Amino acid sequence: MVTTSDGTNDAIVWGLGAEGSQRLVGFDGDTGEVVFAGGGDAELMANVRRYETAIAARGRIFVAGDNQLYAFTP
């Protein structure tokens, strides 16, 4: 998933560490540099499966796990 600040600028490419790091990671769309590294241990996402897609709504990023909905405010 990709978000921008205004529809065209400041693109961030979001990836999920499903079945791996269990973290949400954001990459600068121009440089590939990590701009959000998943936060602390309290922000791990258990039971998120590969090929899962996050959604952005109302200033948050939502990720669904097996029995849990995770919400991030980057």
PDB file of N, CA and C in Angstrom:
ATOM      1  N   MET A   1       0.841  -1.158   0.000  1.00  0.00           N
ATOM      2  CA  MET A   1       0.000   0.000   0.000  1.00  0.00           C
ATOM      3  C   MET A   1       0.894   1.231   0.000  1.00  0.00           C
ATOM      4  N   VAL A   2       0.421   2.300  -0.625  1.00  0.00           N
ATOM      5  CA  VAL A   2       1.164   3.559  -0.679  1.00  0.00           C
ATOM      6  C   VAL A   2       0.273   4.679  -0.173  1.00  0.00           C
ATOM      7  N   THR A   3       0.847   5.552   0.669  1.00  0.00           N
ATOM      8  CA  THR A   3       0.132   6.754   1.085  1.00  0.00           C
ATOM      9  C   THR A   3       0.943   7.968   0.656  1.00  0.00           C
ATOM     10  N   THR A   4       0.260   9.110   0.533  1.00  0.00           N
ATOM     11  CA  THR A   4       0.923  10.369   0.212  1.00  0.00           C
ATOM     12  C   THR A   4       0.361  11.455   1.120  1.00  0.00           C
ATOM     13  N   SER A   5       1.061  12.576   1.198  1.00  0.00           N
ATOM     14  CA  SER A   5       0.594  13.681   2.039  1.00  0.00           C
ATOM     15  C   SER A   5      -0.558  14.448   1.398  1.00  0.00           C
ATOM     16  N   ASP A   6      -0.604  14.454   0.052  1.00  0.00           N
ATOM     17  CA  ASP A   6      -1.627  15.243  -0.629  1.00  0.00           C
ATOM     18  C   ASP A   6      -2.135  14.601  -1.923  1.00  0.00           C
ATOM     19  N   GLY A   7      -1.880  13.331  -2.096  1.00  0.00           N
ATOM     20  CA  GLY A   7      -2.310  12.648  -3.304  1.00  0.00           C
ATOM     21  C   GLY A   7      -1.201  12.462  -4.330  1.00  0.00           C
ATOM     22  N   THR A   8      -0.115  13.254  -4.220  1.00  0.00           N
ATOM     23  CA  THR A   8       0.990  13.107  -5.170  1.00  0.00           C
ATOM     24  C   THR A   8       2.370  13.227  -4.531  1.00  0.00           C
ATOM     25  N   ASN A   9       2.487  13.855  -3.379  1.00  0.00           N
ATOM     26  CA  ASN A   9       3.802  14.119  -2.774  1.00  0.00           C
ATOM     27  C   ASN A   9       4.037  13.286  -1.521  1.00  0.00           C
ATOM     28  N   ASP A  10       5.309  13.147  -1.168  1.00  0.00           N
ATOM     29  CA  ASP A  10       5.717  12.486   0.074  1.00  0.00           C
ATOM     30  C   ASP A  10       5.197  11.055   0.165  1.00  0.00           C
ATOM     31  N   ALA A  11       5.404  10.282  -0.884  1.00  0.00           N
ATOM     32  CA  ALA A  11       4.908   8.894  -0.913  1.00  0.00           C
ATOM     33  C   ALA A  11       5.643   8.025   0.098  1.00  0.00           C
ATOM     34  N   ILE A  12       4.862   7.213   0.812  1.00  0.00           N
ATOM     35  CA  ILE A  12       5.404   6.196   1.711  1.00  0.00           C
ATOM     36  C   ILE A  12       4.836   4.855   1.266  1.00  0.00           C
ATOM     37  N   VAL A  13       5.720   3.901   1.049  1.00  0.00           N
ATOM     38  CA  VAL A  13       5.331   2.542   0.674  1.00  0.00           C
ATOM     39  C   VAL A  13       5.328   1.705   1.949  1.00  0.00           C
ATOM     40  N   TRP A  14       4.185   1.109   2.262  1.00  0.00           N
ATOM     41  CA  TRP A  14       4.024   0.351   3.507  1.00  0.00           C
ATOM     42  C   TRP A  14       4.124  -1.144   3.237  1.00  0.00           C
ATOM     43  N   GLY A  15       4.840  -1.825   4.111  1.00  0.00           N
ATOM     44  CA  GLY A  15       4.976  -3.275   4.013  1.00  0.00           C
ATOM     45  C   GLY A  15       4.680  -3.917   5.356  1.00  0.00           C
ATOM     46  N   LEU A  16       4.219  -5.149   5.314  1.00  0.00           N
ATOM     47  CA  LEU A  16       3.903  -5.888   6.532  1.00  0.00           C
ATOM     48  C   LEU A  16       4.900  -7.009   6.726  1.00  0.00           C
ATOM     49  N   GLY A  17       5.400  -7.141   7.919  1.00  0.00           N
ATOM     50  CA  GLY A  17       6.305  -8.234   8.241  1.00  0.00           C
ATOM     51  C   GLY A  17       5.522  -9.467   8.658  1.00  0.00           C
ATOM     52  N   ALA A  18       4.528  -9.814   7.868  1.00  0.00           N
ATOM     53  CA  ALA A  18       3.680 -10.967   8.175  1.00  0.00           C
ATOM     54  C   ALA A  18       4.513 -12.234   8.190  1.00  0.00           C
ATOM     55  N   GLU A  19       4.279 -13.058   9.196  1.00  0.00           N
ATOM     56  CA  GLU A  19       4.982 -14.333   9.345  1.00  0.00           C
ATOM     57  C   GLU A  19       6.491 -14.136   9.423  1.00  0.00           C
ATOM     58  N   GLY A  20       6.918 -12.943   9.794  1.00  0.00           N
ATOM     59  CA  GLY A  20       8.342 -12.617   9.923  1.00  0.00           C
ATOM     60  C   GLY A  20       8.543 -11.713  11.124  1.00  0.00           C
ATOM     61  N   SER A  21       8.862 -10.448  10.859  1.00  0.00           N
ATOM     62  CA  SER A  21       9.119  -9.494  11.945  1.00  0.00           C
ATOM     63  C   SER A  21       7.865  -9.087  12.694  1.00  0.00           C
ATOM     64  N   GLN A  22       6.714  -9.297  12.100  1.00  0.00           N
ATOM     65  CA  GLN A  22       5.407  -8.931  12.684  1.00  0.00           C
ATOM     66  C   GLN A  22       5.293  -7.424  12.909  1.00  0.00           C
ATOM     67  N   ARG A  23       5.911  -6.647  12.050  1.00  0.00           N
ATOM     68  CA  ARG A  23       5.887  -5.188  12.187  1.00  0.00           C
ATOM     69  C   ARG A  23       5.408  -4.517  10.896  1.00  0.00           C
ATOM     70  N   LEU A  24       4.823  -3.358  11.071  1.00  0.00           N
ATOM     71  CA  LEU A  24       4.494  -2.488   9.948  1.00  0.00           C
ATOM     72  C   LEU A  24       5.732  -1.654   9.654  1.00  0.00           C
ATOM     73  N   VAL A  25       6.141  -1.584   8.390  1.00  0.00           N
ATOM     74  CA  VAL A  25       7.334  -0.837   8.000  1.00  0.00           C
ATOM     75  C   VAL A  25       6.977   0.120   6.873  1.00  0.00           C
ATOM     76  N   GLY A  26       7.443   1.362   6.985  1.00  0.00           N
ATOM     77  CA  GLY A  26       7.218   2.370   5.955  1.00  0.00           C
ATOM     78  C   GLY A  26       8.519   2.766   5.291  1.00  0.00           C
ATOM     79  N   PHE A  27       8.515   2.831   3.951  1.00  0.00           N
ATOM     80  CA  PHE A  27       9.690   3.189   3.168  1.00  0.00           C
ATOM     81  C   PHE A  27       9.426   4.468   2.385  1.00  0.00           C
ATOM     82  N   ASP A  28      10.396   5.369   2.358  1.00  0.00           N
ATOM     83  CA  ASP A  28      10.282   6.577   1.549  1.00  0.00           C
ATOM     84  C   ASP A  28      10.121   6.170   0.097  1.00  0.00           C
ATOM     85  N   GLY A  29       9.094   6.679  -0.563  1.00  0.00           N
ATOM     86  CA  GLY A  29       8.806   6.294  -1.940  1.00  0.00           C
ATOM     87  C   GLY A  29       9.845   6.749  -2.944  1.00  0.00           C
ATOM     88  N   ASP A  30      10.657   7.749  -2.599  1.00  0.00           N
ATOM     89  CA  ASP A  30      11.684   8.242  -3.510  1.00  0.00           C
ATOM     90  C   ASP A  30      13.033   7.574  -3.291  1.00  0.00           C
ATOM     91  N   THR A  31      13.372   7.301  -2.031  1.00  0.00           N
ATOM     92  CA  THR A  31      14.716   6.807  -1.726  1.00  0.00           C
ATOM     93  C   THR A  31      14.757   5.350  -1.263  1.00  0.00           C
ATOM     94  N   GLY A  32      13.639   4.829  -0.789  1.00  0.00           N
ATOM     95  CA  GLY A  32      13.608   3.479  -0.243  1.00  0.00           C
ATOM     96  C   GLY A  32      14.066   3.408   1.205  1.00  0.00           C
ATOM     97  N   GLU A  33      14.455   4.542   1.764  1.00  0.00           N
ATOM     98  CA  GLU A  33      14.907   4.594   3.161  1.00  0.00           C
ATOM     99  C   GLU A  33      13.740   4.289   4.102  1.00  0.00           C
ATOM    100  N   VAL A  34      14.021   3.576   5.177  1.00  0.00           N
ATOM    101  CA  VAL A  34      12.990   3.254   6.165  1.00  0.00           C
ATOM    102  C   VAL A  34      12.633   4.525   6.929  1.00  0.00           C
ATOM    103  N   VAL A  35      11.335   4.879   6.941  1.00  0.00           N
ATOM    104  CA  VAL A  35      10.872   6.056   7.669  1.00  0.00           C
ATOM    105  C   VAL A  35       9.997   5.674   8.862  1.00  0.00           C
ATOM    106  N   PHE A  36       9.539   4.439   8.900  1.00  0.00           N
ATOM    107  CA  PHE A  36       8.803   3.910  10.056  1.00  0.00           C
ATOM    108  C   PHE A  36       9.201   2.452  10.198  1.00  0.00           C
ATOM    109  N   ALA A  37       9.766   2.102  11.357  1.00  0.00           N
ATOM    110  CA  ALA A  37      10.331   0.757  11.537  1.00  0.00           C
ATOM    111  C   ALA A  37       9.508  -0.133  12.453  1.00  0.00           C
ATOM    112  N   GLY A  38       8.225   0.122  12.546  1.00  0.00           N
ATOM    113  CA  GLY A  38       7.359  -0.803  13.266  1.00  0.00           C
ATOM    114  C   GLY A  38       7.174  -0.552  14.728  1.00  0.00           C
ATOM    115  N   GLY A  39       7.780   0.462  15.299  1.00  0.00           N
ATOM    116  CA  GLY A  39       7.560   0.781  16.696  1.00  0.00           C
ATOM    117  C   GLY A  39       8.195  -0.194  17.661  1.00  0.00           C
ATOM    118  N   GLY A  40       7.647  -0.232  18.882  1.00  0.00           N
ATOM    119  CA  GLY A  40       8.201  -1.068  19.942  1.00  0.00           C
ATOM    120  C   GLY A  40       7.553  -2.437  20.003  1.00  0.00           C
ATOM    121  N   ASP A  41       7.921  -3.178  21.049  1.00  0.00           N
ATOM    122  CA  ASP A  41       7.416  -4.541  21.213  1.00  0.00           C
ATOM    123  C   ASP A  41       5.901  -4.595  21.367  1.00  0.00           C
ATOM    124  N   ALA A  42       5.285  -3.539  21.887  1.00  0.00           N
ATOM    125  CA  ALA A  42       3.830  -3.508  22.063  1.00  0.00           C
ATOM    126  C   ALA A  42       3.097  -3.382  20.727  1.00  0.00           C
ATOM    127  N   GLU A  43       3.831  -3.095  19.663  1.00  0.00           N
ATOM    128  CA  GLU A  43       3.213  -2.892  18.355  1.00  0.00           C
ATOM    129  C   GLU A  43       3.437  -4.048  17.385  1.00  0.00           C
ATOM    130  N   LEU A  44       3.804  -5.210  17.921  1.00  0.00           N
ATOM    131  CA  LEU A  44       3.926  -6.401  17.081  1.00  0.00           C
ATOM    132  C   LEU A  44       2.545  -6.869  16.661  1.00  0.00           C
ATOM    133  N   MET A  45       2.444  -7.391  15.450  1.00  0.00           N
ATOM    134  CA  MET A  45       1.167  -7.882  14.922  1.00  0.00           C
ATOM    135  C   MET A  45       1.221  -9.404  14.833  1.00  0.00           C
ATOM    136  N   ALA A  46       0.580 -10.068  15.754  1.00  0.00           N
ATOM    137  CA  ALA A  46       0.551 -11.531  15.742  1.00  0.00           C
ATOM    138  C   ALA A  46      -0.498 -12.027  14.747  1.00  0.00           C
ATOM    139  N   ASN A  47      -0.245 -13.153  14.150  1.00  0.00           N
ATOM    140  CA  ASN A  47      -1.199 -13.829  13.264  1.00  0.00           C
ATOM    141  C   ASN A  47      -1.650 -13.011  12.068  1.00  0.00           C
ATOM    142  N   VAL A  48      -0.728 -12.229  11.500  1.00  0.00           N
ATOM    143  CA  VAL A  48      -0.970 -11.552  10.229  1.00  0.00           C
ATOM    144  C   VAL A  48      -0.344 -12.433   9.159  1.00  0.00           C
ATOM    145  N   ARG A  49      -1.095 -12.738   8.142  1.00  0.00           N
ATOM    146  CA  ARG A  49      -0.659 -13.691   7.112  1.00  0.00           C
ATOM    147  C   ARG A  49      -0.041 -12.984   5.909  1.00  0.00           C
ATOM    148  N   ARG A  50       0.807 -13.710   5.187  1.00  0.00           N
ATOM    149  CA  ARG A  50       1.396 -13.132   3.974  1.00  0.00           C
ATOM    150  C   ARG A  50       0.281 -12.820   2.980  1.00  0.00           C
ATOM    151  N   TYR A  51       0.550 -11.906   2.120  1.00  0.00           N
ATOM    152  CA  TYR A  51      -0.392 -11.383   1.128  1.00  0.00           C
ATOM    153  C   TYR A  51      -1.504 -10.558   1.761  1.00  0.00           C
ATOM    154  N   GLU A  52      -1.373 -10.241   3.037  1.00  0.00           N
ATOM    155  CA  GLU A  52      -2.313  -9.347   3.718  1.00  0.00           C
ATOM    156  C   GLU A  52      -2.077  -7.935   3.195  1.00  0.00           C
ATOM    157  N   THR A  53      -3.112  -7.150   3.070  1.00  0.00           N
ATOM    158  CA  THR A  53      -2.984  -5.774   2.614  1.00  0.00           C
ATOM    159  C   THR A  53      -3.545  -4.839   3.664  1.00  0.00           C
ATOM    160  N   ALA A  54      -2.780  -3.838   4.026  1.00  0.00           N
ATOM    161  CA  ALA A  54      -3.237  -2.820   4.961  1.00  0.00           C
ATOM    162  C   ALA A  54      -4.129  -1.832   4.227  1.00  0.00           C
ATOM    163  N   ILE A  55      -4.925  -1.075   4.987  1.00  0.00           N
ATOM    164  CA  ILE A  55      -5.700   0.017   4.403  1.00  0.00           C
ATOM    165  C   ILE A  55      -5.438   1.284   5.204  1.00  0.00           C
ATOM    166  N   ALA A  56      -5.560   2.424   4.547  1.00  0.00           N
ATOM    167  CA  ALA A  56      -5.419   3.721   5.205  1.00  0.00           C
ATOM    168  C   ALA A  56      -6.784   4.384   5.245  1.00  0.00           C
ATOM    169  N   ALA A  57      -7.181   4.838   6.435  1.00  0.00           N
ATOM    170  CA  ALA A  57      -8.463   5.521   6.592  1.00  0.00           C
ATOM    171  C   ALA A  57      -8.404   6.421   7.820  1.00  0.00           C
ATOM    172  N   ARG A  58      -8.889   7.640   7.674  1.00  0.00           N
ATOM    173  CA  ARG A  58      -8.997   8.593   8.780  1.00  0.00           C
ATOM    174  C   ARG A  58      -7.683   8.799   9.531  1.00  0.00           C
ATOM    175  N   GLY A  59      -6.587   8.870   8.779  1.00  0.00           N
ATOM    176  CA  GLY A  59      -5.294   9.162   9.366  1.00  0.00           C
ATOM    177  C   GLY A  59      -4.623   7.993  10.058  1.00  0.00           C
ATOM    178  N   ARG A  60      -5.149   6.796   9.882  1.00  0.00           N
ATOM    179  CA  ARG A  60      -4.564   5.606  10.483  1.00  0.00           C
ATOM    180  C   ARG A  60      -4.333   4.541   9.424  1.00  0.00           C
ATOM    181  N   ILE A  61      -3.492   3.585   9.769  1.00  0.00           N
ATOM    182  CA  ILE A  61      -3.281   2.416   8.923  1.00  0.00           C
ATOM    183  C   ILE A  61      -3.818   1.218   9.689  1.00  0.00           C
ATOM    184  N   PHE A  62      -4.686   0.448   9.047  1.00  0.00           N
ATOM    185  CA  PHE A  62      -5.319  -0.704   9.679  1.00  0.00           C
ATOM    186  C   PHE A  62      -4.824  -1.994   9.032  1.00  0.00           C
ATOM    187  N   VAL A  63      -4.556  -2.983   9.890  1.00  0.00           N
ATOM    188  CA  VAL A  63      -4.104  -4.295   9.442  1.00  0.00           C
ATOM    189  C   VAL A  63      -4.925  -5.336  10.184  1.00  0.00           C
ATOM    190  N   ALA A  64      -5.465  -6.300   9.455  1.00  0.00           N
ATOM    191  CA  ALA A  64      -6.262  -7.357  10.083  1.00  0.00           C
ATOM    192  C   ALA A  64      -5.412  -8.594  10.313  1.00  0.00           C
ATOM    193  N   GLY A  65      -5.475  -9.118  11.534  1.00  0.00           N
ATOM    194  CA  GLY A  65      -4.863 -10.400  11.871  1.00  0.00           C
ATOM    195  C   GLY A  65      -5.970 -11.444  11.962  1.00  0.00           C
ATOM    196  N   ASP A  66      -5.645 -12.635  12.413  1.00  0.00           N
ATOM    197  CA  ASP A  66      -6.654 -13.693  12.506  1.00  0.00           C
ATOM    198  C   ASP A  66      -7.837 -13.290  13.377  1.00  0.00           C
ATOM    199  N   ASN A  67      -7.561 -12.800  14.574  1.00  0.00           N
ATOM    200  CA  ASN A  67      -8.623 -12.433  15.513  1.00  0.00           C
ATOM    201  C   ASN A  67      -8.405 -11.048  16.090  1.00  0.00           C
ATOM    202  N   GLN A  68      -7.720 -10.197  15.365  1.00  0.00           N
ATOM    203  CA  GLN A  68      -7.322  -8.891  15.894  1.00  0.00           C
ATOM    204  C   GLN A  68      -7.259  -7.874  14.770  1.00  0.00           C
ATOM    205  N   LEU A  69      -7.667  -6.661  15.062  1.00  0.00           N
ATOM    206  CA  LEU A  69      -7.492  -5.544  14.130  1.00  0.00           C
ATOM    207  C   LEU A  69      -6.459  -4.613  14.733  1.00  0.00           C
ATOM    208  N   TYR A  70      -5.423  -4.287  13.972  1.00  0.00           N
ATOM    209  CA  TYR A  70      -4.356  -3.422  14.442  1.00  0.00           C
ATOM    210  C   TYR A  70      -4.515  -2.066  13.784  1.00  0.00           C
ATOM    211  N   ALA A  71      -4.345  -0.986  14.561  1.00  0.00           N
ATOM    212  CA  ALA A  71      -4.445   0.381  14.039  1.00  0.00           C
ATOM    213  C   ALA A  71      -3.180   1.142  14.403  1.00  0.00           C
ATOM    214  N   PHE A  72      -2.583   1.788  13.408  1.00  0.00           N
ATOM    215  CA  PHE A  72      -1.360   2.561  13.602  1.00  0.00           C
ATOM    216  C   PHE A  72      -1.604   4.004  13.191  1.00  0.00           C
ATOM    217  N   THR A  73      -1.014   4.929  13.941  1.00  0.00           N
ATOM    218  CA  THR A  73      -1.031   6.346  13.579  1.00  0.00           C
ATOM    219  C   THR A  73       0.410   6.746  13.304  1.00  0.00           C
ATOM    220  N   PRO A  74       0.832   6.646  12.037  1.00  0.00           N
ATOM    221  CA  PRO A  74       2.241   6.933  11.716  1.00  0.00           C
ATOM    222  C   PRO A  74       2.577   8.399  11.846  1.00  0.00           C
TER     223      PRO A  74
END
